[in-house]
C-alpha cells in the first residue's frame, strides 16, 4: 500500500517548527509564496513559544 504524501502546508509548518528548534532565524525561511511562507513562520513561532515555556532546550 502506498503512503500518501503529506500536505505541503503541513510540511512547511513542520519544517518551520524544526528550524526554530535548531536555532535558525525567522529570516531563514526557504519559501517565497505568501501562504506557504506564513505556514513556515507559524511553525517557527509555535516552536519559539514552546521553547519559552521550557519544553525544549
PDB file of N, CA and C in Angstrom:
ATOM      1  N   UNK A   1       0.834  -1.171   0.000  1.00  0.00           N
ATOM      2  CA  UNK A   1       0.000   0.000   0.000  1.00  0.00           C
ATOM      3  C   UNK A   1       0.889   1.249   0.000  1.00  0.00           C
ATOM      4  N   UNK A   2       0.609   2.175  -0.901  1.00  0.00           N
ATOM      5  CA  UNK A   2       1.395   3.393  -0.990  1.00  0.00           C
ATOM      6  C   UNK A   2       1.020   4.353   0.117  1.00  0.00           C
ATOM      7  N   UNK A   3       2.025   5.048   0.609  1.00  0.00           N
ATOM      8  CA  UNK A   3       1.759   6.084   1.602  1.00  0.00           C
ATOM      9  C   UNK A   3       1.423   7.377   0.883  1.00  0.00           C
ATOM     10  N   UNK A   4       0.467   8.073   1.402  1.00  0.00           N
ATOM     11  CA  UNK A   4       0.039   9.322   0.790  1.00  0.00           C
ATOM     12  C   UNK A   4       0.967  10.452   1.203  1.00  0.00           C
ATOM     13  N   UNK A   5       1.266  11.335   0.259  1.00  0.00           N
ATOM     14  CA  UNK A   5       2.116  12.484   0.573  1.00  0.00           C
ATOM     15  C   UNK A   5       1.390  13.418   1.525  1.00  0.00           C
ATOM     16  N   UNK A   6       2.146  14.017   2.407  1.00  0.00           N
ATOM     17  CA  UNK A   6       1.561  14.988   3.322  1.00  0.00           C
ATOM     18  C   UNK A   6       1.283  16.292   2.585  1.00  0.00           C
ATOM     19  N   UNK A   7       0.363  17.020   3.127  1.00  0.00           N
ATOM     20  CA  UNK A   7       0.009  18.325   2.587  1.00  0.00           C
ATOM     21  C   UNK A   7       1.230  19.244   2.624  1.00  0.00           C
ATOM     22  N   UNK A   8       1.445  20.038   1.593  1.00  0.00           N
ATOM     23  CA  UNK A   8       2.638  20.884   1.541  1.00  0.00           C
ATOM     24  C   UNK A   8       2.620  21.970   2.604  1.00  0.00           C
ATOM     25  N   UNK A   9       1.429  22.421   3.020  1.00  0.00           N
ATOM     26  CA  UNK A   9       1.345  23.419   4.079  1.00  0.00           C
ATOM     27  C   UNK A   9       1.720  22.796   5.427  1.00  0.00           C
ATOM     28  N   UNK A  10       1.277  21.571   5.642  1.00  0.00           N
ATOM     29  CA  UNK A  10       1.633  20.856   6.870  1.00  0.00           C
ATOM     30  C   UNK A  10       3.142  20.625   6.921  1.00  0.00           C
ATOM     31  N   UNK A  11       3.708  20.274   5.790  1.00  0.00           N
ATOM     32  CA  UNK A  11       5.147  20.037   5.709  1.00  0.00           C
ATOM     33  C   UNK A  11       5.933  21.323   5.962  1.00  0.00           C
ATOM     34  N   UNK A  12       5.465  22.440   5.429  1.00  0.00           N
ATOM     35  CA  UNK A  12       6.131  23.730   5.652  1.00  0.00           C
ATOM     36  C   UNK A  12       6.053  24.115   7.129  1.00  0.00           C
ATOM     37  N   UNK A  13       4.916  23.875   7.757  1.00  0.00           N
ATOM     38  CA  UNK A  13       4.746  24.178   9.178  1.00  0.00           C
ATOM     39  C   UNK A  13       5.736  23.357  10.000  1.00  0.00           C
ATOM     40  N   UNK A  14       5.845  22.080   9.675  1.00  0.00           N
ATOM     41  CA  UNK A  14       6.767  21.195  10.399  1.00  0.00           C
ATOM     42  C   UNK A  14       8.221  21.633  10.203  1.00  0.00           C
ATOM     43  N   UNK A  15       8.572  22.006   8.989  1.00  0.00           N
ATOM     44  CA  UNK A  15       9.947  22.453   8.719  1.00  0.00           C
ATOM     45  C   UNK A  15      10.267  23.749   9.451  1.00  0.00           C
ATOM     46  N   UNK A  16       9.298  24.646   9.568  1.00  0.00           N
ATOM     47  CA  UNK A  16       9.495  25.866  10.337  1.00  0.00           C
ATOM     48  C   UNK A  16       9.668  25.565  11.815  1.00  0.00           C
ATOM     49  N   UNK A  17       8.899  24.609  12.312  1.00  0.00           N
ATOM     50  CA  UNK A  17       8.994  24.198  13.710  1.00  0.00           C
ATOM     51  C   UNK A  17      10.389  23.647  14.002  1.00  0.00           C
ATOM     52  N   UNK A  18      10.871  22.746  13.150  1.00  0.00           N
ATOM     53  CA  UNK A  18      12.191  22.153  13.387  1.00  0.00           C
ATOM     54  C   UNK A  18      13.307  23.182  13.200  1.00  0.00           C
ATOM     55  N   UNK A  19      13.112  24.138  12.304  1.00  0.00           N
ATOM     56  CA  UNK A  19      14.121  25.187  12.116  1.00  0.00           C
ATOM     57  C   UNK A  19      14.270  26.011  13.388  1.00  0.00           C
ATOM     58  N   UNK A  20      13.163  26.347  14.031  1.00  0.00           N
ATOM     59  CA  UNK A  20      13.223  27.129  15.270  1.00  0.00           C
ATOM     60  C   UNK A  20      13.867  26.320  16.390  1.00  0.00           C
ATOM     61  N   UNK A  21      13.555  25.043  16.467  1.00  0.00           N
ATOM     62  CA  UNK A  21      14.150  24.182  17.489  1.00  0.00           C
ATOM     63  C   UNK A  21      15.670  24.111  17.300  1.00  0.00           C
ATOM     64  N   UNK A  22      16.103  24.129  16.047  1.00  0.00           N
ATOM     65  CA  UNK A  22      17.528  24.067  15.739  1.00  0.00           C
ATOM     66  C   UNK A  22      18.213  25.424  15.826  1.00  0.00           C
ATOM     67  N   UNK A  23      17.476  26.472  16.218  1.00  0.00           N
ATOM     68  CA  UNK A  23      18.072  27.772  16.450  1.00  0.00           C
ATOM     69  C   UNK A  23      18.188  28.676  15.237  1.00  0.00           C
ATOM     70  N   UNK A  24      17.467  28.374  14.167  1.00  0.00           N
ATOM     71  CA  UNK A  24      17.531  29.223  12.972  1.00  0.00           C
ATOM     72  C   UNK A  24      16.660  30.459  13.139  1.00  0.00           C
ATOM     73  N   UNK A  25      17.005  31.497  12.430  1.00  0.00           N
ATOM     74  CA  UNK A  25      16.276  32.753  12.461  1.00  0.00           C
ATOM     75  C   UNK A  25      15.022  32.658  11.591  1.00  0.00           C
ATOM     76  N   UNK A  26      14.049  33.504  11.871  1.00  0.00           N
ATOM     77  CA  UNK A  26      12.839  33.525  11.042  1.00  0.00           C
ATOM     78  C   UNK A  26      13.144  34.045   9.638  1.00  0.00           C
ATOM     79  N   UNK A  27      14.263  34.733   9.493  1.00  0.00           N
ATOM     80  CA  UNK A  27      14.674  35.239   8.176  1.00  0.00           C
ATOM     81  C   UNK A  27      15.196  34.128   7.263  1.00  0.00           C
ATOM     82  N   UNK A  28      15.413  32.938   7.807  1.00  0.00           N
ATOM     83  CA  UNK A  28      15.944  31.815   7.028  1.00  0.00           C
ATOM     84  C   UNK A  28      14.864  31.012   6.322  1.00  0.00           C
ATOM     85  N   UNK A  29      13.667  31.546   6.234  1.00  0.00           N
ATOM     86  CA  UNK A  29      12.557  30.834   5.591  1.00  0.00           C
ATOM     87  C   UNK A  29      12.893  30.577   4.120  1.00  0.00           C
ATOM     88  N   UNK A  30      12.823  29.310   3.681  1.00  0.00           N
ATOM     89  CA  UNK A  30      13.187  28.988   2.294  1.00  0.00           C
ATOM     90  C   UNK A  30      12.060  29.208   1.283  1.00  0.00           C
ATOM     91  N   UNK A  31      10.871  29.584   1.728  1.00  0.00           N
ATOM     92  CA  UNK A  31       9.725  29.704   0.836  1.00  0.00           C
ATOM     93  C   UNK A  31       9.487  31.150   0.429  1.00  0.00           C
ATOM     94  N   UNK A  32       8.983  31.341  -0.797  1.00  0.00           N
ATOM     95  CA  UNK A  32       8.713  32.676  -1.319  1.00  0.00           C
ATOM     96  C   UNK A  32       7.233  32.996  -1.379  1.00  0.00           C
ATOM     97  N   UNK A  33       6.381  31.988  -1.579  1.00  0.00           N
ATOM     98  CA  UNK A  33       4.949  32.220  -1.666  1.00  0.00           C
ATOM     99  C   UNK A  33       4.387  32.680  -0.331  1.00  0.00           C
ATOM    100  N   UNK A  34       3.398  33.586  -0.380  1.00  0.00           N
ATOM    101  CA  UNK A  34       2.874  34.189   0.842  1.00  0.00           C
ATOM    102  C   UNK A  34       2.261  33.147   1.781  1.00  0.00           C
ATOM    103  N   UNK A  35       1.343  32.323   1.283  1.00  0.00           N
ATOM    104  CA  UNK A  35       0.629  31.405   2.169  1.00  0.00           C
ATOM    105  C   UNK A  35       1.538  30.299   2.707  1.00  0.00           C
ATOM    106  N   UNK A  36       2.437  29.790   1.883  1.00  0.00           N
ATOM    107  CA  UNK A  36       3.338  28.735   2.359  1.00  0.00           C
ATOM    108  C   UNK A  36       4.375  29.316   3.322  1.00  0.00           C
ATOM    109  N   UNK A  37       4.793  30.563   3.080  1.00  0.00           N
ATOM    110  CA  UNK A  37       5.721  31.234   3.999  1.00  0.00           C
ATOM    111  C   UNK A  37       5.053  31.464   5.351  1.00  0.00           C
ATOM    112  N   UNK A  38       3.768  31.826   5.348  1.00  0.00           N
ATOM    113  CA  UNK A  38       3.029  32.023   6.587  1.00  0.00           C
ATOM    114  C   UNK A  38       2.929  30.721   7.384  1.00  0.00           C
ATOM    115  N   UNK A  39       2.785  29.608   6.695  1.00  0.00           N
ATOM    116  CA  UNK A  39       2.740  28.318   7.387  1.00  0.00           C
ATOM    117  C   UNK A  39       4.083  28.014   8.039  1.00  0.00           C
ATOM    118  N   UNK A  40       5.169  28.276   7.324  1.00  0.00           N
ATOM    119  CA  UNK A  40       6.510  28.045   7.861  1.00  0.00           C
ATOM    120  C   UNK A  40       6.734  28.931   9.091  1.00  0.00           C
ATOM    121  N   UNK A  41       6.375  30.213   8.977  1.00  0.00           N
ATOM    122  CA  UNK A  41       6.546  31.135  10.093  1.00  0.00           C
ATOM    123  C   UNK A  41       5.638  30.773  11.271  1.00  0.00           C
ATOM    124  N   UNK A  42       4.462  30.242  10.982  1.00  0.00           N
ATOM    125  CA  UNK A  42       3.576  29.786  12.048  1.00  0.00           C
ATOM    126  C   UNK A  42       4.202  28.653  12.843  1.00  0.00           C
ATOM    127  N   UNK A  43       4.830  27.713  12.151  1.00  0.00           N
ATOM    128  CA  UNK A  43       5.538  26.628  12.828  1.00  0.00           C
ATOM    129  C   UNK A  43       6.727  27.144  13.612  1.00  0.00           C
ATOM    130  N   UNK A  44       7.420  28.128  13.046  1.00  0.00           N
ATOM    131  CA  UNK A  44       8.581  28.717  13.723  1.00  0.00           C
ATOM    132  C   UNK A  44       8.148  29.407  15.010  1.00  0.00           C
ATOM    133  N   UNK A  45       7.060  30.193  14.932  1.00  0.00           N
ATOM    134  CA  UNK A  45       6.551  30.900  16.119  1.00  0.00           C
ATOM    135  C   UNK A  45       6.064  29.923  17.185  1.00  0.00           C
ATOM    136  N   UNK A  46       5.409  28.862  16.751  1.00  0.00           N
ATOM    137  CA  UNK A  46       4.908  27.863  17.699  1.00  0.00           C
ATOM    138  C   UNK A  46       6.058  27.216  18.460  1.00  0.00           C
ATOM    139  N   UNK A  47       7.126  26.886  17.762  1.00  0.00           N
ATOM    140  CA  UNK A  47       8.287  26.272  18.409  1.00  0.00           C
ATOM    141  C   UNK A  47       8.959  27.251  19.367  1.00  0.00           C
ATOM    142  N   UNK A  48       9.052  28.514  18.977  1.00  0.00           N
ATOM    143  CA  UNK A  48       9.659  29.510  19.869  1.00  0.00           C
ATOM    144  C   UNK A  48       8.828  29.672  21.139  1.00  0.00           C
ATOM    145  N   UNK A  49       7.505  29.631  21.016  1.00  0.00           N
ATOM    146  CA  UNK A  49       6.631  29.735  22.180  1.00  0.00           C
ATOM    147  C   UNK A  49       6.832  28.525  23.104  1.00  0.00           C
ATOM    148  N   UNK A  50       6.944  27.339  22.527  1.00  0.00           N
ATOM    149  CA  UNK A  50       7.160  26.150  23.338  1.00  0.00           C
ATOM    150  C   UNK A  50       8.534  26.159  23.987  1.00  0.00           C
ATOM    151  N   UNK A  51       9.512  26.722  23.307  1.00  0.00           N
ATOM    152  CA  UNK A  51      10.845  26.828  23.892  1.00  0.00           C
ATOM    153  C   UNK A  51      10.820  27.774  25.081  1.00  0.00           C
ATOM    154  N   UNK A  52      10.053  28.854  24.990  1.00  0.00           N
ATOM    155  CA  UNK A  52       9.993  29.806  26.101  1.00  0.00           C
ATOM    156  C   UNK A  52       9.253  29.210  27.309  1.00  0.00           C
ATOM    157  N   UNK A  53       8.375  28.253  27.055  1.00  0.00           N
ATOM    158  CA  UNK A  53       7.683  27.562  28.148  1.00  0.00           C
ATOM    159  C   UNK A  53       8.556  26.477  28.784  1.00  0.00           C
ATOM    160  N   UNK A  54       9.676  26.157  28.154  1.00  0.00           N
ATOM    161  CA  UNK A  54      10.604  25.191  28.727  1.00  0.00           C
ATOM    162  C   UNK A  54      10.477  23.789  28.178  1.00  0.00           C
ATOM    163  N   UNK A  55       9.727  23.583  27.097  1.00  0.00           N
ATOM    164  CA  UNK A  55       9.590  22.244  26.528  1.00  0.00           C
ATOM    165  C   UNK A  55      10.841  21.772  25.823  1.00  0.00           C
ATOM    166  N   UNK A  56      11.582  22.707  25.226  1.00  0.00           N
ATOM    167  CA  UNK A  56      12.813  22.377  24.508  1.00  0.00           C
ATOM    168  C   UNK A  56      13.950  23.225  25.070  1.00  0.00           C
ATOM    169  N   UNK A  57      15.148  22.709  24.998  1.00  0.00           N
ATOM    170  CA  UNK A  57      16.306  23.473  25.472  1.00  0.00           C
ATOM    171  C   UNK A  57      17.257  23.749  24.337  1.00  0.00           C
TER     172      UNK A  57
END
